[in-house]
Amino acid sequence: MVTILYRQRHGYDVRIYTKDHPPAHAHVWKGEKNLQIDLMTLEVSDNRGYNIREIKQIRNLVVNNRELLLNVWKTLHESGN
């Protein structure tokens, strides 16, 4: 696991796991809440505790950092780590 964005606006941590499955996605944590979001479509595939307002904030965070997140995903998964 690599934390890419730590304690961003609204306190979100954005992580990409090194031994994870496609498609490219990130896990967003805040306390005990977490979700998985596709980096291309912005679809949430797993949500544990976030409300609609928070999901909108998370989508904005991902959009604003998409290039960085996709580059990290590619580096971690294309290198076979």
PDB file of N, CA and C in Angstrom:
ATOM      1  N   MET A   1       0.840  -1.170   0.000  1.00  0.00           N
ATOM      2  CA  MET A   1       0.000   0.000   0.000  1.00  0.00           C
ATOM      3  C   MET A   1       0.881   1.228   0.000  1.00  0.00           C
ATOM      4  N   VAL A   2       0.487   2.199  -0.796  1.00  0.00           N
ATOM      5  CA  VAL A   2       1.179   3.473  -0.844  1.00  0.00           C
ATOM      6  C   VAL A   2       0.133   4.560  -0.639  1.00  0.00           C
ATOM      7  N   THR A   3       0.348   5.412   0.352  1.00  0.00           N
ATOM      8  CA  THR A   3      -0.533   6.560   0.540  1.00  0.00           C
ATOM      9  C   THR A   3      -0.018   7.661  -0.371  1.00  0.00           C
ATOM     10  N   ILE A   4      -0.835   8.037  -1.346  1.00  0.00           N
ATOM     11  CA  ILE A   4      -0.430   9.022  -2.346  1.00  0.00           C
ATOM     12  C   ILE A   4      -0.754  10.432  -1.870  1.00  0.00           C
ATOM     13  N   LEU A   5      -1.938  10.607  -1.361  1.00  0.00           N
ATOM     14  CA  LEU A   5      -2.362  11.908  -0.845  1.00  0.00           C
ATOM     15  C   LEU A   5      -2.722  11.717   0.617  1.00  0.00           C
ATOM     16  N   TYR A   6      -2.051  12.432   1.502  1.00  0.00           N
ATOM     17  CA  TYR A   6      -2.217  12.246   2.939  1.00  0.00           C
ATOM     18  C   TYR A   6      -2.907  13.454   3.546  1.00  0.00           C
ATOM     19  N   ARG A   7      -4.004  13.191   4.235  1.00  0.00           N
ATOM     20  CA  ARG A   7      -4.761  14.224   4.956  1.00  0.00           C
ATOM     21  C   ARG A   7      -5.041  15.431   4.077  1.00  0.00           C
ATOM     22  N   GLN A   8      -5.592  15.141   2.911  1.00  0.00           N
ATOM     23  CA  GLN A   8      -5.953  16.202   1.981  1.00  0.00           C
ATOM     24  C   GLN A   8      -7.131  16.990   2.531  1.00  0.00           C
ATOM     25  N   ARG A   9      -7.557  17.963   1.775  1.00  0.00           N
ATOM     26  CA  ARG A   9      -8.716  18.767   2.173  1.00  0.00           C
ATOM     27  C   ARG A   9      -9.825  17.832   2.637  1.00  0.00           C
ATOM     28  N   HIS A  10     -10.449  18.158   3.713  1.00  0.00           N
ATOM     29  CA  HIS A  10     -11.495  17.359   4.351  1.00  0.00           C
ATOM     30  C   HIS A  10     -10.939  16.119   5.036  1.00  0.00           C
ATOM     31  N   GLY A  11      -9.615  15.953   5.086  1.00  0.00           N
ATOM     32  CA  GLY A  11      -9.006  14.877   5.854  1.00  0.00           C
ATOM     33  C   GLY A  11      -8.919  13.523   5.183  1.00  0.00           C
ATOM     34  N   TYR A  12      -9.018  13.460   3.868  1.00  0.00           N
ATOM     35  CA  TYR A  12      -8.983  12.174   3.159  1.00  0.00           C
ATOM     36  C   TYR A  12      -7.551  11.705   2.902  1.00  0.00           C
ATOM     37  N   ASP A  13      -7.325  10.417   3.067  1.00  0.00           N
ATOM     38  CA  ASP A  13      -6.098   9.758   2.635  1.00  0.00           C
ATOM     39  C   ASP A  13      -6.440   8.959   1.380  1.00  0.00           C
ATOM     40  N   VAL A  14      -5.654   9.114   0.340  1.00  0.00           N
ATOM     41  CA  VAL A  14      -5.875   8.384  -0.905  1.00  0.00           C
ATOM     42  C   VAL A  14      -4.730   7.389  -1.062  1.00  0.00           C
ATOM     43  N   ARG A  15      -5.090   6.119  -1.166  1.00  0.00           N
ATOM     44  CA  ARG A  15      -4.099   5.041  -1.213  1.00  0.00           C
ATOM     45  C   ARG A  15      -4.277   4.188  -2.463  1.00  0.00           C
ATOM     46  N   ILE A  16      -3.162   3.668  -2.925  1.00  0.00           N
ATOM     47  CA  ILE A  16      -3.161   2.669  -3.999  1.00  0.00           C
ATOM     48  C   ILE A  16      -2.400   1.474  -3.457  1.00  0.00           C
ATOM     49  N   TYR A  17      -3.000   0.315  -3.551  1.00  0.00           N
ATOM     50  CA  TYR A  17      -2.378  -0.900  -3.042  1.00  0.00           C
ATOM     51  C   TYR A  17      -1.500  -1.533  -4.114  1.00  0.00           C
ATOM     52  N   THR A  18      -0.327  -1.984  -3.700  1.00  0.00           N
ATOM     53  CA  THR A  18       0.644  -2.522  -4.649  1.00  0.00           C
ATOM     54  C   THR A  18       0.216  -3.853  -5.249  1.00  0.00           C
ATOM     55  N   LYS A  19      -0.493  -4.666  -4.522  1.00  0.00           N
ATOM     56  CA  LYS A  19      -0.907  -5.995  -5.013  1.00  0.00           C
ATOM     57  C   LYS A  19      -2.404  -5.993  -5.309  1.00  0.00           C
ATOM     58  N   ASP A  20      -2.870  -4.994  -6.032  1.00  0.00           N
ATOM     59  CA  ASP A  20      -4.303  -4.851  -6.278  1.00  0.00           C
ATOM     60  C   ASP A  20      -4.646  -5.232  -7.709  1.00  0.00           C
ATOM     61  N   HIS A  21      -5.908  -5.328  -7.986  1.00  0.00           N
ATOM     62  CA  HIS A  21      -6.449  -5.790  -9.261  1.00  0.00           C
ATOM     63  C   HIS A  21      -6.872  -4.614 -10.137  1.00  0.00           C
ATOM     64  N   PRO A  22      -6.887  -4.807 -11.469  1.00  0.00           N
ATOM     65  CA  PRO A  22      -7.454  -3.802 -12.360  1.00  0.00           C
ATOM     66  C   PRO A  22      -8.973  -3.753 -12.180  1.00  0.00           C
ATOM     67  N   PRO A  23      -9.597  -2.701 -12.632  1.00  0.00           N
ATOM     68  CA  PRO A  23      -9.055  -1.522 -13.293  1.00  0.00           C
ATOM     69  C   PRO A  23      -8.358  -0.596 -12.297  1.00  0.00           C
ATOM     70  N   ALA A  24      -7.678   0.416 -12.847  1.00  0.00           N
ATOM     71  CA  ALA A  24      -6.968   1.383 -12.003  1.00  0.00           C
ATOM     72  C   ALA A  24      -7.950   2.051 -11.056  1.00  0.00           C
ATOM     73  N   HIS A  25      -7.649   1.977  -9.771  1.00  0.00           N
ATOM     74  CA  HIS A  25      -8.539   2.562  -8.776  1.00  0.00           C
ATOM     75  C   HIS A  25      -7.740   2.948  -7.539  1.00  0.00           C
ATOM     76  N   ALA A  26      -8.386   3.710  -6.686  1.00  0.00           N
ATOM     77  CA  ALA A  26      -7.764   4.126  -5.429  1.00  0.00           C
ATOM     78  C   ALA A  26      -8.737   3.843  -4.295  1.00  0.00           C
ATOM     79  N   HIS A  27      -8.181   3.762  -3.098  1.00  0.00           N
ATOM     80  CA  HIS A  27      -8.959   3.586  -1.885  1.00  0.00           C
ATOM     81  C   HIS A  27      -8.848   4.886  -1.102  1.00  0.00           C
ATOM     82  N   VAL A  28      -9.977   5.407  -0.658  1.00  0.00           N
ATOM     83  CA  VAL A  28      -9.993   6.674   0.063  1.00  0.00           C
ATOM     84  C   VAL A  28     -10.486   6.419   1.477  1.00  0.00           C
ATOM     85  N   TRP A  29      -9.665   6.822   2.445  1.00  0.00           N
ATOM     86  CA  TRP A  29      -9.946   6.589   3.858  1.00  0.00           C
ATOM     87  C   TRP A  29     -10.089   7.900   4.604  1.00  0.00           C
ATOM     88  N   LYS A  30     -10.952   7.890   5.590  1.00  0.00           N
ATOM     89  CA  LYS A  30     -11.060   8.965   6.572  1.00  0.00           C
ATOM     90  C   LYS A  30     -11.594   8.306   7.835  1.00  0.00           C
ATOM     91  N   GLY A  31     -10.730   8.127   8.796  1.00  0.00           N
ATOM     92  CA  GLY A  31     -11.125   7.393   9.998  1.00  0.00           C
ATOM     93  C   GLY A  31     -11.474   5.964   9.617  1.00  0.00           C
ATOM     94  N   GLU A  32     -12.661   5.521   9.996  1.00  0.00           N
ATOM     95  CA  GLU A  32     -13.117   4.166   9.674  1.00  0.00           C
ATOM     96  C   GLU A  32     -13.854   4.082   8.336  1.00  0.00           C
ATOM     97  N   LYS A  33     -14.138   5.218   7.723  1.00  0.00           N
ATOM     98  CA  LYS A  33     -14.827   5.237   6.433  1.00  0.00           C
ATOM     99  C   LYS A  33     -13.833   4.936   5.326  1.00  0.00           C
ATOM    100  N   ASN A  34     -14.287   4.219   4.297  1.00  0.00           N
ATOM    101  CA  ASN A  34     -13.436   3.984   3.139  1.00  0.00           C
ATOM    102  C   ASN A  34     -14.283   3.680   1.921  1.00  0.00           C
ATOM    103  N   LEU A  35     -13.705   3.967   0.773  1.00  0.00           N
ATOM    104  CA  LEU A  35     -14.349   3.598  -0.486  1.00  0.00           C
ATOM    105  C   LEU A  35     -13.300   3.322  -1.525  1.00  0.00           C
ATOM    106  N   GLN A  36     -13.737   2.670  -2.582  1.00  0.00           N
ATOM    107  CA  GLN A  36     -12.886   2.364  -3.733  1.00  0.00           C
ATOM    108  C   GLN A  36     -13.469   3.109  -4.916  1.00  0.00           C
ATOM    109  N   ILE A  37     -12.624   3.851  -5.631  1.00  0.00           N
ATOM    110  CA  ILE A  37     -13.089   4.649  -6.760  1.00  0.00           C
ATOM    111  C   ILE A  37     -12.227   4.384  -7.989  1.00  0.00           C
ATOM    112  N   ASP A  38     -12.880   4.152  -9.112  1.00  0.00           N
ATOM    113  CA  ASP A  38     -12.209   3.926 -10.388  1.00  0.00           C
ATOM    114  C   ASP A  38     -11.590   5.250 -10.837  1.00  0.00           C
ATOM    115  N   LEU A  39     -10.314   5.225 -11.204  1.00  0.00           N
ATOM    116  CA  LEU A  39      -9.621   6.453 -11.571  1.00  0.00           C
ATOM    117  C   LEU A  39     -10.013   6.988 -12.939  1.00  0.00           C
ATOM    118  N   MET A  40     -10.610   6.173 -13.768  1.00  0.00           N
ATOM    119  CA  MET A  40     -11.022   6.633 -15.096  1.00  0.00           C
ATOM    120  C   MET A  40     -12.488   7.061 -15.120  1.00  0.00           C
ATOM    121  N   THR A  41     -13.363   6.242 -14.583  1.00  0.00           N
ATOM    122  CA  THR A  41     -14.802   6.516 -14.674  1.00  0.00           C
ATOM    123  C   THR A  41     -15.352   7.279 -13.470  1.00  0.00           C
ATOM    124  N   LEU A  42     -14.593   7.297 -12.378  1.00  0.00           N
ATOM    125  CA  LEU A  42     -15.006   7.900 -11.109  1.00  0.00           C
ATOM    126  C   LEU A  42     -16.164   7.163 -10.452  1.00  0.00           C
ATOM    127  N   GLU A  43     -16.416   5.946 -10.917  1.00  0.00           N
ATOM    128  CA  GLU A  43     -17.456   5.123 -10.301  1.00  0.00           C
ATOM    129  C   GLU A  43     -16.958   4.584  -8.972  1.00  0.00           C
ATOM    130  N   VAL A  44     -17.836   4.610  -7.979  1.00  0.00           N
ATOM    131  CA  VAL A  44     -17.519   4.056  -6.666  1.00  0.00           C
ATOM    132  C   VAL A  44     -17.968   2.603  -6.669  1.00  0.00           C
ATOM    133  N   SER A  45     -17.026   1.692  -6.440  1.00  0.00           N
ATOM    134  CA  SER A  45     -17.381   0.278  -6.464  1.00  0.00           C
ATOM    135  C   SER A  45     -17.583  -0.297  -5.070  1.00  0.00           C
ATOM    136  N   ASP A  46     -17.138   0.411  -4.056  1.00  0.00           N
ATOM    137  CA  ASP A  46     -17.339  -0.051  -2.684  1.00  0.00           C
ATOM    138  C   ASP A  46     -17.346   1.176  -1.790  1.00  0.00           C
ATOM    139  N   ASN A  47     -18.388   1.343  -1.006  1.00  0.00           N
ATOM    140  CA  ASN A  47     -18.511   2.493  -0.122  1.00  0.00           C
ATOM    141  C   ASN A  47     -18.870   2.011   1.271  1.00  0.00           C
ATOM    142  N   ARG A  48     -18.046   2.367   2.211  1.00  0.00           N
ATOM    143  CA  ARG A  48     -18.299   1.985   3.602  1.00  0.00           C
ATOM    144  C   ARG A  48     -18.319   3.230   4.470  1.00  0.00           C
ATOM    145  N   GLY A  49     -19.467   3.907   4.439  1.00  0.00           N
ATOM    146  CA  GLY A  49     -19.697   4.988   5.375  1.00  0.00           C
ATOM    147  C   GLY A  49     -19.802   6.398   4.840  1.00  0.00           C
ATOM    148  N   TYR A  50     -19.429   6.639   3.602  1.00  0.00           N
ATOM    149  CA  TYR A  50     -19.491   8.005   3.084  1.00  0.00           C
ATOM    150  C   TYR A  50     -20.892   8.360   2.603  1.00  0.00           C
ATOM    151  N   ASN A  51     -21.284   9.629   2.809  1.00  0.00           N
ATOM    152  CA  ASN A  51     -22.560  10.111   2.291  1.00  0.00           C
ATOM    153  C   ASN A  51     -22.342  10.756   0.920  1.00  0.00           C
ATOM    154  N   ILE A  52     -23.414  11.176   0.281  1.00  0.00           N
ATOM    155  CA  ILE A  52     -23.360  11.727  -1.083  1.00  0.00           C
ATOM    156  C   ILE A  52     -22.457  12.960  -1.154  1.00  0.00           C
ATOM    157  N   ARG A  53     -22.532  13.839  -0.189  1.00  0.00           N
ATOM    158  CA  ARG A  53     -21.704  15.058  -0.177  1.00  0.00           C
ATOM    159  C   ARG A  53     -20.222  14.688  -0.123  1.00  0.00           C
ATOM    160  N   GLU A  54     -19.874  13.734   0.720  1.00  0.00           N
ATOM    161  CA  GLU A  54     -18.479  13.313   0.837  1.00  0.00           C
ATOM    162  C   GLU A  54     -17.992  12.639  -0.441  1.00  0.00           C
ATOM    163  N   ILE A  55     -18.843  11.845  -1.071  1.00  0.00           N
ATOM    164  CA  ILE A  55     -18.456  11.201  -2.330  1.00  0.00           C
ATOM    165  C   ILE A  55     -18.172  12.251  -3.397  1.00  0.00           C
ATOM    166  N   LYS A  56     -18.958  13.317  -3.417  1.00  0.00           N
ATOM    167  CA  LYS A  56     -18.708  14.404  -4.370  1.00  0.00           C
ATOM    168  C   LYS A  56     -17.348  15.045  -4.085  1.00  0.00           C
ATOM    169  N   GLN A  57     -17.016  15.272  -2.834  1.00  0.00           N
ATOM    170  CA  GLN A  57     -15.718  15.835  -2.464  1.00  0.00           C
ATOM    171  C   GLN A  57     -14.582  14.908  -2.902  1.00  0.00           C
ATOM    172  N   ILE A  58     -14.783  13.617  -2.700  1.00  0.00           N
ATOM    173  CA  ILE A  58     -13.760  12.634  -3.079  1.00  0.00           C
ATOM    174  C   ILE A  58     -13.577  12.610  -4.593  1.00  0.00           C
ATOM    175  N   ARG A  59     -14.673  12.645  -5.330  1.00  0.00           N
ATOM    176  CA  ARG A  59     -14.556  12.669  -6.796  1.00  0.00           C
ATOM    177  C   ARG A  59     -13.775  13.895  -7.249  1.00  0.00           C
ATOM    178  N   ASN A  60     -14.053  15.047  -6.651  1.00  0.00           N
ATOM    179  CA  ASN A  60     -13.310  16.264  -7.001  1.00  0.00           C
ATOM    180  C   ASN A  60     -11.829  16.111  -6.681  1.00  0.00           C
ATOM    181  N   LEU A  61     -11.512  15.517  -5.543  1.00  0.00           N
ATOM    182  CA  LEU A  61     -10.124  15.286  -5.158  1.00  0.00           C
ATOM    183  C   LEU A  61      -9.427  14.379  -6.168  1.00  0.00           C
ATOM    184  N   VAL A  62     -10.105  13.329  -6.585  1.00  0.00           N
ATOM    185  CA  VAL A  62      -9.530  12.399  -7.561  1.00  0.00           C
ATOM    186  C   VAL A  62      -9.349  13.089  -8.913  1.00  0.00           C
ATOM    187  N   VAL A  63     -10.344  13.839  -9.361  1.00  0.00           N
ATOM    188  CA  VAL A  63     -10.230  14.550 -10.638  1.00  0.00           C
ATOM    189  C   VAL A  63      -9.041  15.508 -10.610  1.00  0.00           C
ATOM    190  N   ASN A  64      -8.890  16.240  -9.520  1.00  0.00           N
ATOM    191  CA  ASN A  64      -7.810  17.222  -9.415  1.00  0.00           C
ATOM    192  C   ASN A  64      -6.428  16.586  -9.327  1.00  0.00           C
ATOM    193  N   ASN A  65      -6.370  15.302  -9.002  1.00  0.00           N
ATOM    194  CA  ASN A  65      -5.092  14.596  -8.853  1.00  0.00           C
ATOM    195  C   ASN A  65      -5.006  13.360  -9.740  1.00  0.00           C
ATOM    196  N   ARG A  66      -5.844  13.293 -10.747  1.00  0.00           N
ATOM    197  CA  ARG A  66      -5.957  12.080 -11.572  1.00  0.00           C
ATOM    198  C   ARG A  66      -4.645  11.710 -12.249  1.00  0.00           C
ATOM    199  N   GLU A  67      -3.953  12.669 -12.806  1.00  0.00           N
ATOM    200  CA  GLU A  67      -2.698  12.354 -13.505  1.00  0.00           C
ATOM    201  C   GLU A  67      -1.697  11.709 -12.545  1.00  0.00           C
ATOM    202  N   LEU A  68      -1.523  12.286 -11.384  1.00  0.00           N
ATOM    203  CA  LEU A  68      -0.625  11.725 -10.382  1.00  0.00           C
ATOM    204  C   LEU A  68      -1.053  10.318  -9.993  1.00  0.00           C
ATOM    205  N   LEU A  69      -2.329  10.135  -9.705  1.00  0.00           N
ATOM    206  CA  LEU A  69      -2.831   8.833  -9.267  1.00  0.00           C
ATOM    207  C   LEU A  69      -2.651   7.771 -10.351  1.00  0.00           C
ATOM    208  N   LEU A  70      -2.955   8.115 -11.589  1.00  0.00           N
ATOM    209  CA  LEU A  70      -2.779   7.155 -12.688  1.00  0.00           C
ATOM    210  C   LEU A  70      -1.303   6.815 -12.907  1.00  0.00           C
ATOM    211  N   ASN A  71      -0.438   7.806 -12.773  1.00  0.00           N
ATOM    212  CA  ASN A  71       0.996   7.538 -12.918  1.00  0.00           C
ATOM    213  C   ASN A  71       1.492   6.600 -11.831  1.00  0.00           C
ATOM    214  N   VAL A  72       1.037   6.804 -10.613  1.00  0.00           N
ATOM    215  CA  VAL A  72       1.434   5.907  -9.517  1.00  0.00           C
ATOM    216  C   VAL A  72       0.887   4.512  -9.764  1.00  0.00           C
ATOM    217  N   TRP A  73      -0.386   4.407 -10.174  1.00  0.00           N
ATOM    218  CA  TRP A  73      -0.980   3.096 -10.467  1.00  0.00           C
ATOM    219  C   TRP A  73      -0.129   2.362 -11.508  1.00  0.00           C
ATOM    220  N   LYS A  74       0.191   3.060 -12.611  1.00  0.00           N
ATOM    221  CA  LYS A  74       0.962   2.433 -13.685  1.00  0.00           C
ATOM    222  C   LYS A  74       2.348   2.011 -13.196  1.00  0.00           C
ATOM    223  N   THR A  75       2.993   2.851 -12.441  1.00  0.00           N
ATOM    224  CA  THR A  75       4.328   2.528 -11.927  1.00  0.00           C
ATOM    225  C   THR A  75       4.292   1.297 -11.031  1.00  0.00           C
ATOM    226  N   LEU A  76       3.326   1.233 -10.143  1.00  0.00           N
ATOM    227  CA  LEU A  76       3.236   0.111  -9.216  1.00  0.00           C
ATOM    228  C   LEU A  76       2.836  -1.194  -9.900  1.00  0.00           C
ATOM    229  N   HIS A  77       1.950  -1.113 -10.868  1.00  0.00           N
ATOM    230  CA  HIS A  77       1.389  -2.342 -11.441  1.00  0.00           C
ATOM    231  C   HIS A  77       2.094  -2.791 -12.723  1.00  0.00           C
ATOM    232  N   GLU A  78       2.700  -1.889 -13.442  1.00  0.00           N
ATOM    233  CA  GLU A  78       3.431  -2.313 -14.636  1.00  0.00           C
ATOM    234  C   GLU A  78       4.816  -2.845 -14.280  1.00  0.00           C
ATOM    235  N   SER A  79       5.322  -2.457 -13.103  1.00  0.00           N
ATOM    236  CA  SER A  79       6.640  -2.938 -12.697  1.00  0.00           C
ATOM    237  C   SER A  79       6.564  -4.305 -12.041  1.00  0.00           C
ATOM    238  N   GLY A  80       5.332  -4.777 -11.788  1.00  0.00           N
ATOM    239  CA  GLY A  80       5.163  -6.098 -11.193  1.00  0.00           C
ATOM    240  C   GLY A  80       5.283  -6.130  -9.691  1.00  0.00           C
ATOM    241  N   ASN A  81       5.276  -4.974  -9.044  1.00  0.00           N
ATOM    242  CA  ASN A  81       5.369  -4.912  -7.579  1.00  0.00           C
ATOM    243  C   ASN A  81       4.093  -5.363  -6.922  1.00  0.00           C
TER     244      ASN A  81
END
